[in-house]
Amino acid sequence: MKTLKLVIACLLVGVPLAWGVIQSIEKSSPLFRGAPTTATPMPSGR
């Protein structure tokens, strides 16, 4: 019974953690590949 509780607890923590890590890697990968971003350029103010 303790093993089952441990497995469930690890899944409750591990699955969202893994999902967040994967999302972070996907969002930051363009920064490391040098791909253009969708951000608009800053106005020059002149």
Protein backbone atom coordinates (compact mmCIF):
# COMPACT_ATOMS: atom_id res chain seq x y z
CA MET A 1 0.00 0.00 0.00
CA LYS A 2 2.86 2.38 0.76
CA THR A 3 4.37 1.71 -2.67
CA LEU A 4 1.10 2.60 -4.39
CA LYS A 5 0.86 5.88 -2.46
CA LEU A 6 4.46 6.68 -3.35
CA VAL A 7 3.86 6.01 -7.06
CA ILE A 8 0.72 8.18 -7.06
CA ALA A 9 2.51 10.99 -5.25
CA CYS A 10 5.43 10.86 -7.68
CA LEU A 11 3.04 10.99 -10.63
CA LEU A 12 1.11 13.92 -9.16
CA VAL A 13 4.34 15.88 -8.89
CA GLY A 14 6.33 14.48 -11.80
CA VAL A 15 3.81 14.76 -14.64
CA PRO A 16 3.09 18.51 -14.25
CA LEU A 17 6.78 19.15 -13.63
CA ALA A 18 7.78 17.31 -16.80
CA TRP A 19 5.09 19.14 -18.78
CA GLY A 20 6.38 22.50 -17.53
CA VAL A 21 9.98 21.64 -18.38
CA ILE A 22 8.98 20.55 -21.89
CA GLN A 23 6.98 23.74 -22.43
CA SER A 24 9.88 25.88 -21.22
CA ILE A 25 12.30 24.15 -23.58
CA GLU A 26 9.93 24.57 -26.52
CA LYS A 27 9.39 28.26 -25.80
CA SER A 28 13.07 29.04 -25.30
CA SER A 29 14.47 26.98 -28.17
CA PRO A 30 14.12 29.79 -30.76
CA LEU A 31 16.44 31.91 -28.62
CA PHE A 32 19.20 29.35 -28.99
CA ARG A 33 18.57 28.56 -32.64
CA GLY A 34 18.66 32.21 -33.67
CA ALA A 35 15.22 32.01 -35.26
CA PRO A 36 13.37 35.29 -35.71
CA THR A 37 10.78 36.05 -33.07
CA THR A 38 7.30 37.44 -33.57
CA ALA A 39 8.00 40.50 -31.43
CA THR A 40 7.55 43.88 -33.05
CA PRO A 41 10.57 46.22 -33.18
CA MET A 42 10.84 49.03 -30.70
CA PRO A 43 10.00 52.49 -32.08
CA SER A 44 13.03 54.70 -32.49
CA GLY A 45 11.39 57.71 -30.86
CA ARG A 46 12.87 60.16 -33.32
